[in-house]
Structures are given as C-alpha cells and as structure tokens.
Amino acid sequence: MGIDPSAFKAPFLPAQHCYARADEFRAEFWPSGDYPVDVLAIAEFGLGLDIRIVDNLKSQQDVDALLGLDFKTIAVDRDQYMDSRFHSRMRYSVAHELGHYVLHRKVAEMFPKEEKALREFYSQIPEQEYSFLEYHAYEFAGALLVPGSELSHRLELCMKQYGVQDLSNELSRVKVTSSLASYFAVSTDVIEKRLIREKLIQS
C-alpha cells in the first residue's frame, strides 16, 4: 500500500541546512568557483540529466522548469529558454529544480511512480507540507547561485565602487543590487532576498 498523501509530512530542513547542501553541491559540480554559476551545464554535464526544451510548459503548467518524475530529466519552457529577457529567471528555476533533486530524492522514493497517480498524490498533500518542499528548493537555489560568502565580498566591493556607506538610500540600494544581480546573473529580487537571508541588510 502506498503512502497516504493526506498524512504526508515534509522532512524538517532548516534554511542553514539547505545553504550547506548548496555549498557542497556547488563545490563538487562547479569547482572553478566562477560566477555566474552555470546550472544548466551542471544539470546536463555534471549530473547527466537530459535537458528537454518543451513547448508551452509555462502556459500549461505555470512553471519555467520541471524536474522529471524519474529524476533523470529537466524540462524547460521553450519560449522562456529562447528569450534572453528570461535568462535569469530560467537559471533560477533550474536551480530550484536542482534543489528538489538534491534535497528530496529520498522523499520522492515514497511517491507514486506513474505520472497521473503522482499528480493526484501532489494534489492531496497538505498545502503546508507541499510549501515546505518548495521552501527548501527556493532556499537551495538562492544559496547555489548567490552563496553568502561571495555575496558579502561582492557587496563590500560594490559599496566601495559607488561610494555607498549604507543601503538606506533607495538610489544607492538600486545601484548596488543591480550590480550584484548582473554579477550573479539573477534578478534583483533574488539579490534582495539573499542579502536579507544572510543578514547583510535589514528587510
């Protein structure tokens, strides 16, 4: 008998655990330490995942990227993938799926293997438990692309470059976060969240 989805409990993974796993993963699969981290290269060449370019993934399933049920593929939306305007968003979405790959493989072994049954299973998981799984992957993705140590270092350099003493001034904050977003190839929203998570700025 399979697991009762209504009784499913997500594993307890504090944010710091997700950050540590992201650091370990990046050290193993992106040892050059260069930025931005090429998550698509890691997925395809480091993990051997099959990257599938899928039409209408975003419009039909409301996701930019999706880890396969067999943990052997990552599907990405064709329009998002081909449009440079969505480059940062696509990278973050793939990093998020890698978070599920790293953090939830053991959990997923308990889930149904057939797609229809799995989708029904997910629809019956308590919303809070499902949100925990998503939270883990989001925290992992942020730390994978924007690790705390490098963020702190680059923040200091940016503030010196722009002659900024603190980030309370909105214009100064925009300059610095935009520069950091460009360096890490993520959105300014991701930078803001990572700065807050690492206690480098106040929310």
N, C-alpha and C. Protein backbone atom coordinates (compact mmCIF):
# COMPACT_ATOMS: atom_id res chain seq x y z
N MET A 1 0.85 -1.20 0.00
CA MET A 1 0.00 0.00 0.00
C MET A 1 0.88 1.24 0.00
N GLY A 2 0.55 2.22 -0.81
CA GLY A 2 1.34 3.43 -0.90
C GLY A 2 1.09 4.36 0.27
N ILE A 3 1.91 5.39 0.36
CA ILE A 3 1.78 6.38 1.42
C ILE A 3 0.50 7.18 1.24
N ASP A 4 -0.16 7.47 2.35
CA ASP A 4 -1.38 8.28 2.32
C ASP A 4 -0.97 9.75 2.14
N PRO A 5 -1.34 10.39 1.03
CA PRO A 5 -0.89 11.77 0.80
C PRO A 5 -1.37 12.74 1.86
N SER A 6 -2.55 12.50 2.42
CA SER A 6 -3.09 13.42 3.43
C SER A 6 -2.28 13.36 4.73
N ALA A 7 -1.51 12.27 4.90
CA ALA A 7 -0.70 12.11 6.10
C ALA A 7 0.78 12.45 5.85
N PHE A 8 1.08 12.90 4.64
CA PHE A 8 2.48 13.18 4.28
C PHE A 8 3.04 14.32 5.12
N LYS A 9 4.27 14.11 5.60
CA LYS A 9 5.00 15.14 6.34
C LYS A 9 6.32 15.41 5.62
N ALA A 10 6.56 16.67 5.30
CA ALA A 10 7.82 17.04 4.67
C ALA A 10 8.95 16.91 5.68
N PRO A 11 10.15 16.56 5.23
CA PRO A 11 11.27 16.49 6.16
C PRO A 11 11.58 17.87 6.73
N PHE A 12 12.09 17.91 7.95
CA PHE A 12 12.46 19.18 8.56
C PHE A 12 13.87 19.55 8.11
N LEU A 13 13.96 20.57 7.26
CA LEU A 13 15.25 21.03 6.76
C LEU A 13 15.35 22.53 7.01
N PRO A 14 16.10 22.94 8.01
CA PRO A 14 16.27 24.38 8.25
C PRO A 14 16.98 25.04 7.07
N ALA A 15 16.82 26.34 6.94
CA ALA A 15 17.44 27.08 5.85
C ALA A 15 18.95 26.85 5.82
N GLN A 16 19.58 26.84 6.98
CA GLN A 16 21.03 26.68 7.02
C GLN A 16 21.46 25.33 6.46
N HIS A 17 20.63 24.33 6.64
CA HIS A 17 20.92 23.02 6.05
C HIS A 17 20.87 23.10 4.53
N CYS A 18 19.87 23.78 4.01
CA CYS A 18 19.75 23.95 2.56
C CYS A 18 20.95 24.71 2.01
N TYR A 19 21.40 25.74 2.74
CA TYR A 19 22.56 26.51 2.31
C TYR A 19 23.81 25.63 2.28
N ALA A 20 23.98 24.82 3.33
CA ALA A 20 25.16 23.96 3.41
C ALA A 20 25.18 22.93 2.27
N ARG A 21 24.01 22.36 1.98
CA ARG A 21 23.94 21.39 0.88
C ARG A 21 24.24 22.07 -0.46
N ALA A 22 23.76 23.31 -0.62
CA ALA A 22 24.03 24.06 -1.85
C ALA A 22 25.52 24.33 -2.00
N ASP A 23 26.18 24.68 -0.90
CA ASP A 23 27.63 24.93 -0.94
C ASP A 23 28.39 23.66 -1.30
N GLU A 24 28.00 22.53 -0.72
CA GLU A 24 28.64 21.26 -1.02
C GLU A 24 28.44 20.88 -2.49
N PHE A 25 27.21 21.08 -2.95
CA PHE A 25 26.87 20.74 -4.32
C PHE A 25 27.67 21.59 -5.31
N ARG A 26 27.72 22.89 -5.06
CA ARG A 26 28.45 23.79 -5.94
C ARG A 26 29.94 23.46 -5.94
N ALA A 27 30.50 23.16 -4.79
CA ALA A 27 31.93 22.82 -4.71
C ALA A 27 32.25 21.57 -5.51
N GLU A 28 31.30 20.62 -5.52
CA GLU A 28 31.53 19.37 -6.25
C GLU A 28 31.33 19.54 -7.74
N PHE A 29 30.29 20.25 -8.14
CA PHE A 29 29.93 20.29 -9.56
C PHE A 29 30.29 21.60 -10.26
N TRP A 30 30.77 22.59 -9.52
CA TRP A 30 31.23 23.85 -10.12
C TRP A 30 32.52 24.28 -9.42
N PRO A 31 33.54 23.43 -9.49
CA PRO A 31 34.76 23.66 -8.71
C PRO A 31 35.57 24.88 -9.14
N SER A 32 35.31 25.43 -10.33
CA SER A 32 36.05 26.60 -10.78
C SER A 32 35.78 27.81 -9.89
N GLY A 33 34.60 27.83 -9.27
CA GLY A 33 34.25 28.97 -8.43
C GLY A 33 33.91 30.22 -9.21
N ASP A 34 33.77 30.11 -10.54
CA ASP A 34 33.43 31.27 -11.37
C ASP A 34 31.96 31.63 -11.21
N TYR A 35 31.67 32.90 -11.48
CA TYR A 35 30.29 33.37 -11.47
C TYR A 35 29.98 34.07 -12.78
N PRO A 36 28.75 33.91 -13.27
CA PRO A 36 27.64 33.19 -12.64
C PRO A 36 27.80 31.67 -12.73
N VAL A 37 27.16 30.98 -11.81
CA VAL A 37 27.15 29.52 -11.81
C VAL A 37 26.27 29.03 -12.97
N ASP A 38 26.81 28.16 -13.79
CA ASP A 38 26.06 27.66 -14.96
C ASP A 38 25.28 26.40 -14.55
N VAL A 39 24.06 26.61 -14.08
CA VAL A 39 23.28 25.49 -13.57
C VAL A 39 22.84 24.52 -14.67
N LEU A 40 22.64 25.03 -15.88
CA LEU A 40 22.27 24.13 -16.98
C LEU A 40 23.43 23.20 -17.31
N ALA A 41 24.65 23.72 -17.30
CA ALA A 41 25.83 22.88 -17.54
C ALA A 41 25.99 21.84 -16.43
N ILE A 42 25.74 22.26 -15.20
CA ILE A 42 25.82 21.32 -14.08
C ILE A 42 24.79 20.20 -14.25
N ALA A 43 23.57 20.59 -14.58
CA ALA A 43 22.50 19.60 -14.74
C ALA A 43 22.82 18.61 -15.84
N GLU A 44 23.26 19.15 -16.99
CA GLU A 44 23.47 18.28 -18.16
C GLU A 44 24.77 17.50 -18.09
N PHE A 45 25.85 18.17 -17.77
CA PHE A 45 27.16 17.52 -17.84
C PHE A 45 27.65 17.01 -16.49
N GLY A 46 27.25 17.66 -15.41
CA GLY A 46 27.66 17.21 -14.09
C GLY A 46 26.81 16.06 -13.58
N LEU A 47 25.49 16.20 -13.73
CA LEU A 47 24.57 15.18 -13.22
C LEU A 47 24.09 14.22 -14.30
N GLY A 48 24.35 14.56 -15.56
CA GLY A 48 23.89 13.71 -16.65
C GLY A 48 22.40 13.75 -16.89
N LEU A 49 21.75 14.84 -16.49
CA LEU A 49 20.32 14.97 -16.72
C LEU A 49 20.06 15.36 -18.17
N ASP A 50 18.96 14.90 -18.68
CA ASP A 50 18.55 15.24 -20.04
C ASP A 50 17.75 16.53 -20.00
N ILE A 51 18.27 17.58 -20.66
CA ILE A 51 17.55 18.86 -20.71
C ILE A 51 16.60 18.82 -21.89
N ARG A 52 15.32 18.92 -21.62
CA ARG A 52 14.31 18.86 -22.67
C ARG A 52 13.64 20.22 -22.85
N ILE A 53 13.68 20.73 -24.05
CA ILE A 53 13.05 22.00 -24.38
C ILE A 53 11.61 21.70 -24.77
N VAL A 54 10.65 22.19 -23.99
CA VAL A 54 9.25 21.79 -24.13
C VAL A 54 8.40 23.00 -24.51
N ASP A 55 7.57 22.82 -25.51
CA ASP A 55 6.63 23.87 -25.90
C ASP A 55 5.54 24.03 -24.84
N ASN A 56 5.20 25.27 -24.54
CA ASN A 56 4.03 25.61 -23.71
C ASN A 56 4.09 25.08 -22.28
N LEU A 57 5.29 24.81 -21.78
CA LEU A 57 5.39 24.35 -20.39
C LEU A 57 4.89 25.41 -19.43
N LYS A 58 5.25 26.65 -19.70
CA LYS A 58 4.83 27.75 -18.83
C LYS A 58 3.32 27.96 -18.90
N SER A 59 2.77 27.99 -20.09
CA SER A 59 1.35 28.26 -20.23
C SER A 59 0.48 27.12 -19.72
N GLN A 60 0.96 25.88 -19.84
CA GLN A 60 0.13 24.74 -19.46
C GLN A 60 0.30 24.33 -18.00
N GLN A 61 1.52 24.47 -17.48
CA GLN A 61 1.77 24.02 -16.10
C GLN A 61 2.22 25.14 -15.17
N ASP A 62 2.35 26.35 -15.72
CA ASP A 62 2.73 27.52 -14.93
C ASP A 62 4.08 27.35 -14.24
N VAL A 63 5.01 26.71 -14.93
CA VAL A 63 6.38 26.58 -14.43
C VAL A 63 7.35 26.85 -15.58
N ASP A 64 8.53 27.36 -15.24
CA ASP A 64 9.57 27.60 -16.24
C ASP A 64 10.42 26.35 -16.46
N ALA A 65 10.54 25.55 -15.41
CA ALA A 65 11.35 24.33 -15.48
C ALA A 65 10.72 23.29 -14.58
N LEU A 66 10.96 22.02 -14.89
CA LEU A 66 10.32 20.94 -14.14
C LEU A 66 11.21 19.71 -14.12
N LEU A 67 11.53 19.24 -12.93
CA LEU A 67 12.31 18.01 -12.78
C LEU A 67 11.44 16.81 -13.11
N GLY A 68 11.97 15.90 -13.91
CA GLY A 68 11.22 14.72 -14.31
C GLY A 68 10.90 13.80 -13.14
N LEU A 69 9.86 13.02 -13.28
CA LEU A 69 9.44 12.10 -12.23
C LEU A 69 10.52 11.07 -11.93
N ASP A 70 11.33 10.76 -12.95
CA ASP A 70 12.39 9.77 -12.78
C ASP A 70 13.69 10.38 -12.28
N PHE A 71 13.70 11.68 -12.05
CA PHE A 71 14.90 12.39 -11.61
C PHE A 71 16.04 12.26 -12.61
N LYS A 72 15.68 12.11 -13.89
CA LYS A 72 16.69 11.98 -14.93
C LYS A 72 16.58 13.08 -15.99
N THR A 73 15.56 13.90 -15.89
CA THR A 73 15.34 14.95 -16.89
C THR A 73 14.96 16.26 -16.21
N ILE A 74 15.24 17.36 -16.89
CA ILE A 74 14.69 18.66 -16.53
C ILE A 74 14.09 19.26 -17.79
N ALA A 75 12.80 19.52 -17.74
CA ALA A 75 12.12 20.17 -18.86
C ALA A 75 12.16 21.68 -18.63
N VAL A 76 12.40 22.42 -19.71
CA VAL A 76 12.38 23.88 -19.64
C VAL A 76 11.46 24.41 -20.73
N ASP A 77 10.78 25.51 -20.43
CA ASP A 77 9.86 26.09 -21.38
C ASP A 77 10.62 26.68 -22.57
N ARG A 78 10.22 26.33 -23.77
CA ARG A 78 10.95 26.77 -24.97
C ARG A 78 11.00 28.29 -25.08
N ASP A 79 9.86 28.95 -24.93
CA ASP A 79 9.83 30.41 -25.10
C ASP A 79 10.71 31.10 -24.07
N GLN A 80 10.64 30.64 -22.83
CA GLN A 80 11.47 31.24 -21.78
C GLN A 80 12.95 30.97 -22.03
N TYR A 81 13.24 29.76 -22.47
CA TYR A 81 14.62 29.35 -22.71
C TYR A 81 15.25 30.13 -23.85
N MET A 82 14.47 30.41 -24.88
CA MET A 82 15.00 31.08 -26.07
C MET A 82 15.05 32.60 -25.95
N ASP A 83 14.36 33.15 -25.00
CA ASP A 83 14.26 34.61 -24.86
C ASP A 83 15.25 35.08 -23.79
N SER A 84 16.22 35.87 -24.20
CA SER A 84 17.27 36.33 -23.28
C SER A 84 16.71 37.16 -22.12
N ARG A 85 15.53 37.74 -22.29
CA ARG A 85 14.93 38.52 -21.21
C ARG A 85 14.61 37.66 -19.99
N PHE A 86 14.44 36.36 -20.21
CA PHE A 86 14.10 35.46 -19.12
C PHE A 86 15.29 34.61 -18.66
N HIS A 87 16.47 35.01 -19.08
CA HIS A 87 17.67 34.22 -18.79
C HIS A 87 17.84 34.01 -17.28
N SER A 88 17.78 35.09 -16.51
CA SER A 88 17.98 34.98 -15.07
C SER A 88 16.89 34.14 -14.41
N ARG A 89 15.67 34.36 -14.85
CA ARG A 89 14.55 33.60 -14.29
C ARG A 89 14.67 32.11 -14.60
N MET A 90 15.10 31.78 -15.82
CA MET A 90 15.27 30.38 -16.19
C MET A 90 16.36 29.72 -15.35
N ARG A 91 17.46 30.43 -15.15
CA ARG A 91 18.55 29.88 -14.34
C ARG A 91 18.08 29.59 -12.92
N TYR A 92 17.31 30.52 -12.36
CA TYR A 92 16.82 30.32 -11.00
C TYR A 92 15.85 29.14 -10.95
N SER A 93 15.01 29.02 -11.96
CA SER A 93 14.06 27.92 -12.00
C SER A 93 14.77 26.57 -12.07
N VAL A 94 15.82 26.49 -12.88
CA VAL A 94 16.59 25.25 -12.97
C VAL A 94 17.29 24.98 -11.64
N ALA A 95 17.84 26.02 -11.00
CA ALA A 95 18.48 25.85 -9.70
C ALA A 95 17.47 25.34 -8.67
N HIS A 96 16.25 25.82 -8.76
CA HIS A 96 15.17 25.36 -7.87
C HIS A 96 14.92 23.87 -8.06
N GLU A 97 14.86 23.43 -9.31
CA GLU A 97 14.64 22.00 -9.59
C GLU A 97 15.83 21.17 -9.10
N LEU A 98 17.03 21.72 -9.20
CA LEU A 98 18.20 21.02 -8.66
C LEU A 98 18.09 20.91 -7.14
N GLY A 99 17.44 21.89 -6.53
CA GLY A 99 17.20 21.79 -5.09
C GLY A 99 16.34 20.58 -4.76
N HIS A 100 15.29 20.36 -5.54
CA HIS A 100 14.48 19.15 -5.33
C HIS A 100 15.31 17.90 -5.58
N TYR A 101 16.14 17.95 -6.60
CA TYR A 101 16.99 16.79 -6.95
C TYR A 101 17.90 16.42 -5.78
N VAL A 102 18.51 17.41 -5.18
CA VAL A 102 19.48 17.17 -4.10
C VAL A 102 18.79 16.85 -2.78
N LEU A 103 17.74 17.58 -2.46
CA LEU A 103 17.16 17.51 -1.12
C LEU A 103 16.03 16.50 -0.97
N HIS A 104 15.38 16.13 -2.09
CA HIS A 104 14.12 15.39 -1.96
C HIS A 104 14.10 14.04 -2.68
N ARG A 105 15.24 13.56 -3.12
CA ARG A 105 15.23 12.27 -3.83
C ARG A 105 14.73 11.14 -2.94
N LYS A 106 15.17 11.12 -1.69
CA LYS A 106 14.75 10.06 -0.78
C LYS A 106 13.25 10.16 -0.50
N VAL A 107 12.77 11.38 -0.35
CA VAL A 107 11.34 11.58 -0.11
C VAL A 107 10.54 11.09 -1.30
N ALA A 108 11.02 11.43 -2.50
CA ALA A 108 10.28 11.08 -3.72
C ALA A 108 10.19 9.58 -3.94
N GLU A 109 11.09 8.82 -3.35
CA GLU A 109 11.04 7.36 -3.50
C GLU A 109 9.76 6.78 -2.92
N MET A 110 9.11 7.52 -2.02
CA MET A 110 7.86 7.05 -1.42
C MET A 110 6.64 7.38 -2.27
N PHE A 111 6.83 8.24 -3.27
CA PHE A 111 5.71 8.73 -4.06
C PHE A 111 5.36 7.76 -5.19
N PRO A 112 4.14 7.85 -5.72
CA PRO A 112 3.78 7.03 -6.88
C PRO A 112 4.71 7.33 -8.06
N LYS A 113 4.94 6.32 -8.87
CA LYS A 113 5.86 6.48 -10.00
C LYS A 113 5.14 6.83 -11.30
N GLU A 114 3.86 6.53 -11.38
CA GLU A 114 3.10 6.82 -12.60
C GLU A 114 2.62 8.27 -12.55
N GLU A 115 2.73 8.97 -13.69
CA GLU A 115 2.52 10.41 -13.71
C GLU A 115 1.14 10.82 -13.22
N LYS A 116 0.10 10.18 -13.70
CA LYS A 116 -1.25 10.56 -13.30
C LYS A 116 -1.44 10.36 -11.80
N ALA A 117 -0.97 9.24 -11.29
CA ALA A 117 -1.10 8.96 -9.86
C ALA A 117 -0.28 9.94 -9.04
N LEU A 118 0.89 10.33 -9.56
CA LEU A 118 1.74 11.27 -8.84
C LEU A 118 1.08 12.66 -8.77
N ARG A 119 0.50 13.10 -9.88
CA ARG A 119 -0.17 14.40 -9.88
C ARG A 119 -1.34 14.40 -8.90
N GLU A 120 -2.07 13.30 -8.84
CA GLU A 120 -3.17 13.19 -7.88
C GLU A 120 -2.64 13.20 -6.45
N PHE A 121 -1.50 12.52 -6.27
CA PHE A 121 -0.86 12.48 -4.95
C PHE A 121 -0.49 13.89 -4.50
N TYR A 122 0.18 14.65 -5.40
CA TYR A 122 0.58 16.02 -5.06
C TYR A 122 -0.63 16.89 -4.72
N SER A 123 -1.74 16.67 -5.44
CA SER A 123 -2.93 17.49 -5.21
C SER A 123 -3.55 17.23 -3.84
N GLN A 124 -3.20 16.10 -3.22
CA GLN A 124 -3.79 15.73 -1.94
C GLN A 124 -2.84 15.94 -0.76
N ILE A 125 -1.58 16.29 -1.05
CA ILE A 125 -0.65 16.61 0.03
C ILE A 125 -1.12 17.86 0.76
N PRO A 126 -1.09 17.89 2.07
CA PRO A 126 -1.46 19.13 2.78
C PRO A 126 -0.66 20.32 2.24
N GLU A 127 -1.35 21.42 2.02
CA GLU A 127 -0.71 22.59 1.41
C GLU A 127 0.54 23.03 2.17
N GLN A 128 0.48 22.98 3.49
CA GLN A 128 1.63 23.40 4.29
C GLN A 128 2.83 22.50 4.03
N GLU A 129 2.60 21.19 3.91
CA GLU A 129 3.72 20.26 3.70
C GLU A 129 4.33 20.47 2.31
N TYR A 130 3.47 20.71 1.32
CA TYR A 130 3.97 20.98 -0.03
C TYR A 130 4.77 22.28 -0.04
N SER A 131 4.31 23.27 0.70
CA SER A 131 5.02 24.56 0.74
C SER A 131 6.39 24.40 1.38
N PHE A 132 6.53 23.45 2.32
CA PHE A 132 7.83 23.20 2.92
C PHE A 132 8.82 22.69 1.88
N LEU A 133 8.36 21.76 1.02
CA LEU A 133 9.22 21.23 -0.04
C LEU A 133 9.68 22.35 -0.97
N GLU A 134 8.74 23.24 -1.31
CA GLU A 134 9.07 24.36 -2.18
C GLU A 134 10.03 25.32 -1.48
N TYR A 135 9.82 25.54 -0.20
CA TYR A 135 10.71 26.42 0.57
C TYR A 135 12.15 25.89 0.56
N HIS A 136 12.30 24.60 0.77
CA HIS A 136 13.65 24.01 0.72
C HIS A 136 14.33 24.31 -0.61
N ALA A 137 13.60 24.07 -1.69
CA ALA A 137 14.18 24.24 -3.03
C ALA A 137 14.51 25.69 -3.32
N TYR A 138 13.66 26.61 -2.86
CA TYR A 138 13.93 28.04 -3.06
C TYR A 138 15.19 28.46 -2.31
N GLU A 139 15.32 28.02 -1.07
CA GLU A 139 16.49 28.38 -0.29
C GLU A 139 17.76 27.79 -0.90
N PHE A 140 17.66 26.55 -1.36
CA PHE A 140 18.80 25.91 -2.01
C PHE A 140 19.21 26.68 -3.26
N ALA A 141 18.23 27.05 -4.08
CA ALA A 141 18.51 27.75 -5.34
C ALA A 141 19.21 29.07 -5.08
N GLY A 142 18.70 29.82 -4.11
CA GLY A 142 19.31 31.11 -3.81
C GLY A 142 20.75 30.97 -3.37
N ALA A 143 21.01 30.00 -2.50
CA ALA A 143 22.37 29.80 -1.99
C ALA A 143 23.29 29.21 -3.05
N LEU A 144 22.74 28.41 -3.95
CA LEU A 144 23.56 27.84 -5.02
C LEU A 144 24.06 28.93 -5.96
N LEU A 145 23.18 29.82 -6.36
CA LEU A 145 23.52 30.87 -7.31
C LEU A 145 24.21 32.06 -6.66
N VAL A 146 23.84 32.33 -5.40
CA VAL A 146 24.36 33.51 -4.71
C VAL A 146 24.81 33.10 -3.30
N PRO A 147 25.96 32.44 -3.19
CA PRO A 147 26.42 32.00 -1.87
C PRO A 147 26.76 33.17 -0.95
N GLY A 148 26.53 32.98 0.33
CA GLY A 148 26.68 34.06 1.29
C GLY A 148 28.07 34.69 1.31
N SER A 149 29.11 33.87 1.27
CA SER A 149 30.47 34.41 1.37
C SER A 149 30.80 35.30 0.17
N GLU A 150 30.45 34.84 -1.03
CA GLU A 150 30.73 35.63 -2.22
C GLU A 150 29.84 36.87 -2.27
N LEU A 151 28.60 36.74 -1.81
CA LEU A 151 27.70 37.89 -1.78
C LEU A 151 28.24 38.98 -0.86
N SER A 152 28.72 38.58 0.31
CA SER A 152 29.28 39.54 1.26
C SER A 152 30.49 40.25 0.67
N HIS A 153 31.34 39.48 0.01
CA HIS A 153 32.55 40.04 -0.61
C HIS A 153 32.19 41.03 -1.72
N ARG A 154 31.29 40.63 -2.59
CA ARG A 154 30.91 41.50 -3.72
C ARG A 154 30.15 42.73 -3.23
N LEU A 155 29.37 42.58 -2.19
CA LEU A 155 28.66 43.72 -1.63
C LEU A 155 29.64 44.78 -1.16
N GLU A 156 30.67 44.35 -0.47
CA GLU A 156 31.69 45.29 0.01
C GLU A 156 32.37 46.00 -1.15
N LEU A 157 32.70 45.25 -2.21
CA LEU A 157 33.34 45.86 -3.37
C LEU A 157 32.42 46.86 -4.07
N CYS A 158 31.15 46.49 -4.21
CA CYS A 158 30.19 47.37 -4.87
C CYS A 158 29.99 48.66 -4.09
N MET A 159 29.90 48.55 -2.79
CA MET A 159 29.68 49.74 -1.98
C MET A 159 30.88 50.69 -2.06
N LYS A 160 32.08 50.12 -2.12
CA LYS A 160 33.27 50.95 -2.29
C LYS A 160 33.28 51.59 -3.67
N GLN A 161 32.91 50.80 -4.69
CA GLN A 161 32.90 51.31 -6.05
C GLN A 161 31.98 52.50 -6.21
N TYR A 162 30.81 52.43 -5.58
CA TYR A 162 29.82 53.50 -5.73
C TYR A 162 29.90 54.53 -4.60
N GLY A 163 30.84 54.36 -3.70
CA GLY A 163 30.96 55.30 -2.59
C GLY A 163 29.76 55.29 -1.68
N VAL A 164 29.19 54.11 -1.47
CA VAL A 164 27.99 53.96 -0.66
C VAL A 164 28.37 53.56 0.76
N GLN A 165 27.85 54.28 1.74
CA GLN A 165 28.12 53.96 3.13
C GLN A 165 27.12 52.96 3.70
N ASP A 166 25.88 53.10 3.29
CA ASP A 166 24.85 52.14 3.70
C ASP A 166 23.79 52.09 2.60
N LEU A 167 22.86 51.17 2.75
CA LEU A 167 21.87 50.95 1.69
C LEU A 167 20.49 51.49 2.07
N SER A 168 20.45 52.43 2.99
CA SER A 168 19.17 53.01 3.37
C SER A 168 18.64 53.95 2.29
N ASN A 169 19.56 54.52 1.51
CA ASN A 169 19.16 55.38 0.41
C ASN A 169 18.70 54.52 -0.77
N GLU A 170 17.50 54.80 -1.27
CA GLU A 170 16.92 53.94 -2.31
C GLU A 170 17.77 53.91 -3.58
N LEU A 171 18.28 55.06 -4.01
CA LEU A 171 19.09 55.10 -5.23
C LEU A 171 20.36 54.29 -5.07
N SER A 172 21.01 54.41 -3.94
CA SER A 172 22.23 53.64 -3.67
C SER A 172 21.93 52.15 -3.65
N ARG A 173 20.81 51.81 -3.03
CA ARG A 173 20.42 50.40 -2.93
C ARG A 173 20.16 49.82 -4.31
N VAL A 174 19.49 50.58 -5.17
CA VAL A 174 19.22 50.11 -6.53
C VAL A 174 20.52 49.91 -7.30
N LYS A 175 21.46 50.84 -7.19
CA LYS A 175 22.75 50.72 -7.87
C LYS A 175 23.47 49.45 -7.45
N VAL A 176 23.53 49.24 -6.16
CA VAL A 176 24.29 48.09 -5.63
C VAL A 176 23.60 46.78 -5.97
N THR A 177 22.29 46.69 -5.75
CA THR A 177 21.60 45.43 -6.02
C THR A 177 21.59 45.11 -7.52
N SER A 178 21.51 46.12 -8.36
CA SER A 178 21.55 45.90 -9.81
C SER A 178 22.91 45.37 -10.23
N SER A 179 23.97 45.93 -9.65
CA SER A 179 25.32 45.47 -9.95
C SER A 179 25.52 44.02 -9.50
N LEU A 180 25.04 43.72 -8.32
CA LEU A 180 25.15 42.35 -7.81
C LEU A 180 24.32 41.38 -8.66
N ALA A 181 23.12 41.81 -9.06
CA ALA A 181 22.28 40.96 -9.90
C ALA A 181 22.97 40.64 -11.21
N SER A 182 23.64 41.61 -11.79
CA SER A 182 24.37 41.40 -13.04
C SER A 182 25.53 40.42 -12.83
N TYR A 183 26.24 40.57 -11.75
CA TYR A 183 27.39 39.69 -11.46
C TYR A 183 26.96 38.24 -11.29
N PHE A 184 25.90 38.03 -10.53
CA PHE A 184 25.44 36.66 -10.25
C PHE A 184 24.45 36.15 -11.30
N ALA A 185 24.01 37.03 -12.22
CA ALA A 185 23.04 36.69 -13.27
C ALA A 185 21.74 36.17 -12.67
N VAL A 186 21.23 36.94 -11.71
CA VAL A 186 19.93 36.65 -11.12
C VAL A 186 19.15 37.97 -11.09
N SER A 187 17.91 37.91 -10.66
CA SER A 187 17.10 39.12 -10.57
C SER A 187 17.49 39.92 -9.32
N THR A 188 17.11 41.19 -9.31
CA THR A 188 17.37 42.00 -8.12
C THR A 188 16.54 41.50 -6.94
N ASP A 189 15.38 40.90 -7.20
CA ASP A 189 14.57 40.32 -6.12
C ASP A 189 15.34 39.20 -5.41
N VAL A 190 16.02 38.36 -6.19
CA VAL A 190 16.82 37.28 -5.59
C VAL A 190 17.94 37.88 -4.75
N ILE A 191 18.60 38.92 -5.27
CA ILE A 191 19.67 39.56 -4.52
C ILE A 191 19.15 40.14 -3.21
N GLU A 192 18.02 40.83 -3.27
CA GLU A 192 17.43 41.41 -2.06
C GLU A 192 17.16 40.32 -1.02
N LYS A 193 16.57 39.23 -1.46
CA LYS A 193 16.24 38.14 -0.53
C LYS A 193 17.49 37.51 0.06
N ARG A 194 18.51 37.34 -0.78
CA ARG A 194 19.74 36.74 -0.28
C ARG A 194 20.46 37.68 0.70
N LEU A 195 20.44 38.97 0.43
CA LEU A 195 21.04 39.93 1.36
C LEU A 195 20.34 39.89 2.71
N ILE A 196 19.02 39.77 2.69
CA ILE A 196 18.25 39.68 3.92
C ILE A 196 18.53 38.36 4.63
N ARG A 197 18.53 37.25 3.87
CA ARG A 197 18.77 35.94 4.47
C ARG A 197 20.14 35.88 5.15
N GLU A 198 21.13 36.51 4.53
CA GLU A 198 22.48 36.49 5.08
C GLU A 198 22.72 37.62 6.09
N LYS A 199 21.63 38.34 6.40
CA LYS A 199 21.68 39.42 7.41
C LYS A 199 22.70 40.50 7.03
N LEU A 200 22.81 40.74 5.73
CA LEU A 200 23.68 41.80 5.25
C LEU A 200 22.92 43.12 5.13
N ILE A 201 21.61 43.04 5.04
CA ILE A 201 20.75 44.21 5.11
C ILE A 201 19.51 43.83 5.91
N GLN A 202 18.77 44.82 6.32
CA GLN A 202 17.50 44.57 7.00
C GLN A 202 16.37 44.60 6.00
N SER A 203 15.34 43.84 6.25
CA SER A 203 14.19 43.80 5.35
C SER A 203 13.39 45.09 5.44
